[in-house]
C-alpha atoms as a PDB file:
ATOM      1  CA  MET A   1      -3.301 -20.777  17.440  1.00  0.00           C
ATOM      2  CA  GLU A   2      -4.284 -17.468  18.981  1.00  0.00           C
ATOM      3  CA  THR A   3      -7.662 -16.017  17.995  1.00  0.00           C
ATOM      4  CA  LEU A   4      -8.730 -12.449  17.203  1.00  0.00           C
ATOM      5  CA  ASN A   5     -12.119 -10.867  17.717  1.00  0.00           C
ATOM      6  CA  ILE A   6     -13.855  -9.164  14.821  1.00  0.00           C
ATOM      7  CA  SER A   7     -17.189  -7.563  15.635  1.00  0.00           C
ATOM      8  CA  GLU A   8     -20.025  -8.200  13.203  1.00  0.00           C
ATOM      9  CA  LYS A   9     -20.817  -4.524  12.729  1.00  0.00           C
ATOM     10  CA  LYS A  10     -19.472  -1.281  14.081  1.00  0.00           C
ATOM     11  CA  ASN A  11     -21.766   1.708  14.322  1.00  0.00           C
ATOM     12  CA  LYS A  12     -19.042   4.272  13.837  1.00  0.00           C
ATOM     13  CA  ILE A  13     -16.117   4.033  11.492  1.00  0.00           C
ATOM     14  CA  LYS A  14     -13.785   6.986  11.815  1.00  0.00           C
ATOM     15  CA  TRP A  15     -10.932   7.835   9.521  1.00  0.00           C
ATOM     16  CA  ASP A  16      -8.171  10.379   9.191  1.00  0.00           C
ATOM     17  CA  TYR A  17      -5.802  10.969   6.302  1.00  0.00           C
ATOM     18  CA  ASP A  18      -2.346  12.495   6.754  1.00  0.00           C
ATOM     19  CA  GLY A  19      -1.671  13.986   3.321  1.00  0.00           C
ATOM     20  CA  GLU A  20       1.907  14.984   4.105  1.00  0.00           C
ATOM     21  CA  ALA A  21       2.874  11.428   5.102  1.00  0.00           C
ATOM     22  CA  ASP A  22       0.281   9.727   2.804  1.00  0.00           C
ATOM     23  CA  ILE A  23      -1.145   7.549   5.597  1.00  0.00           C
ATOM     24  CA  LEU A  24      -4.800   6.568   6.031  1.00  0.00           C
ATOM     25  CA  TYR A  25      -5.974   5.714   9.555  1.00  0.00           C
ATOM     26  CA  ILE A  26      -9.280   3.828   9.924  1.00  0.00           C
ATOM     27  CA  SER A  27     -10.766   3.192  13.396  1.00  0.00           C
ATOM     28  CA  PHE A  28     -13.776   1.104  14.340  1.00  0.00           C
ATOM     29  CA  GLY A  29     -15.321   3.300  17.020  1.00  0.00           C
ATOM     30  CA  ASN A  30     -13.223   5.864  18.860  1.00  0.00           C
ATOM     31  CA  PRO A  31      -9.458   5.524  18.334  1.00  0.00           C
ATOM     32  CA  LYS A  32      -7.766   3.569  21.150  1.00  0.00           C
ATOM     33  CA  ASN A  33      -4.266   2.483  22.044  1.00  0.00           C
ATOM     34  CA  ALA A  34      -3.358  -0.653  20.155  1.00  0.00           C
ATOM     35  CA  GLU A  35      -0.576  -2.882  18.944  1.00  0.00           C
ATOM     36  CA  GLY A  36       0.117  -2.891  15.221  1.00  0.00           C
ATOM     37  CA  VAL A  37       0.598  -6.030  13.165  1.00  0.00           C
ATOM     38  CA  ASP A  38       2.091  -5.490   9.713  1.00  0.00           C
ATOM     39  CA  ILE A  39       0.307  -7.836   7.316  1.00  0.00           C
ATOM     40  CA  GLY A  40       2.262  -6.635   4.278  1.00  0.00           C
ATOM     41  CA  GLU A  41       1.500  -4.484   1.266  1.00  0.00           C
ATOM     42  CA  GLY A  42       1.592  -1.371   3.464  1.00  0.00           C
ATOM     43  CA  THR A  43      -1.307  -2.467   5.681  1.00  0.00           C
ATOM     44  CA  ILE A  44      -1.149  -2.578   9.461  1.00  0.00           C
ATOM     45  CA  ILE A  45      -3.940  -4.122  11.558  1.00  0.00           C
ATOM     46  CA  ARG A  46      -4.416  -2.441  14.956  1.00  0.00           C
ATOM     47  CA  ILE A  47      -5.355  -4.823  17.790  1.00  0.00           C
ATOM     48  CA  ARG A  48      -6.242  -4.163  21.429  1.00  0.00           C
ATOM     49  CA  PRO A  49      -3.867  -6.404  23.383  1.00  0.00           C
ATOM     50  CA  ASP A  50      -6.253  -6.990  26.307  1.00  0.00           C
ATOM     51  CA  THR A  51      -9.298  -8.131  24.267  1.00  0.00           C
ATOM     52  CA  LYS A  52      -7.547  -9.271  21.050  1.00  0.00           C
ATOM     53  CA  GLU A  53     -10.102  -7.186  19.149  1.00  0.00           C
ATOM     54  CA  ILE A  54      -9.259  -5.615  15.795  1.00  0.00           C
ATOM     55  CA  ILE A  55      -9.961  -1.926  16.294  1.00  0.00           C
ATOM     56  CA  GLY A  56      -8.572  -0.399  13.140  1.00  0.00           C
ATOM     57  CA  LEU A  57      -6.312  -0.315  10.124  1.00  0.00           C
ATOM     58  CA  THR A  58      -3.435   1.850   9.019  1.00  0.00           C
ATOM     59  CA  ILE A  59      -2.715   1.987   5.313  1.00  0.00           C
ATOM     60  CA  LEU A  60       0.650   3.355   4.217  1.00  0.00           C
ATOM     61  CA  ASN A  61       0.970   5.325   0.965  1.00  0.00           C
ATOM     62  CA  PRO A  62      -2.570   4.667  -0.314  1.00  0.00           C
ATOM     63  CA  LEU A  63      -2.589   7.647  -2.685  1.00  0.00           C
ATOM     64  CA  ASN A  64       0.836   7.048  -4.207  1.00  0.00           C
ATOM     65  CA  ARG A  65       0.267   3.304  -4.582  1.00  0.00           C
ATOM     66  CA  THR A  66      -3.151   3.815  -6.176  1.00  0.00           C
ATOM     67  CA  LEU A  67      -1.867   6.419  -8.617  1.00  0.00           C
ATOM     68  CA  SER A  68       1.094   4.200  -9.540  1.00  0.00           C
ATOM     69  CA  SER A  69      -1.220   1.272 -10.138  1.00  0.00           C
ATOM     70  CA  LEU A  70      -3.604   3.324 -12.262  1.00  0.00           C
ATOM     71  CA  SER A  71      -0.862   4.898 -14.359  1.00  0.00           C
ATOM     72  CA  GLY A  72       0.533   1.455 -15.142  1.00  0.00           C
ATOM     73  CA  LYS A  73      -2.818   0.052 -16.233  1.00  0.00           C
ATOM     74  CA  HIS A  74      -4.510   2.999 -17.876  1.00  0.00           C
ATOM     75  CA  LYS A  75      -3.403   5.367 -20.537  1.00  0.00           C
ATOM     76  CA  VAL A  76      -2.981   8.808 -19.080  1.00  0.00           C
ATOM     77  CA  ILE A  77      -4.262  11.499 -21.432  1.00  0.00           C
ATOM     78  CA  ARG A  78      -3.001  15.003 -20.919  1.00  0.00           C
ATOM     79  CA  LYS A  79      -4.495  17.879 -22.834  1.00  0.00           C
ATOM     80  CA  LYS A  80      -2.016  20.269 -24.359  1.00  0.00           C
ATOM     81  CA  LYS A  81      -2.423  23.828 -23.354  1.00  0.00           C
ATOM     82  CA  GLN A  82      -3.205  25.800 -26.474  1.00  0.00           C
ATOM     83  CA  SER A  83      -1.474  29.110 -26.806  1.00  0.00           C
ATOM     84  CA  PRO A  84      -3.432  32.014 -28.235  1.00  0.00           C
ATOM     85  CA  VAL A  85      -2.804  32.734 -31.897  1.00  0.00           C
ATOM     86  CA  ALA A  86      -1.485  36.221 -32.526  1.00  0.00           C
ATOM     87  CA  LYS A  87      -3.135  38.095 -35.442  1.00  0.00           C
END
């Protein structure tokens, strides 16, 4: 079985969110070229092929999936807009 390297602690975690595509990019240190491994549920692990080190994550549709999950589990309360009463 092939092994992967996971550092104990990274000093800098950088992230970027693409709101138009609803994609969250998380990098451990400065972003680098990597191969992506889809581990399911819209999560891709980014690995440097030369060192087999995990250098980041890409999460697809985090906002839409979170909102869908919350709306299914919690009651959404919307306040009705009150119209002014004419006298």
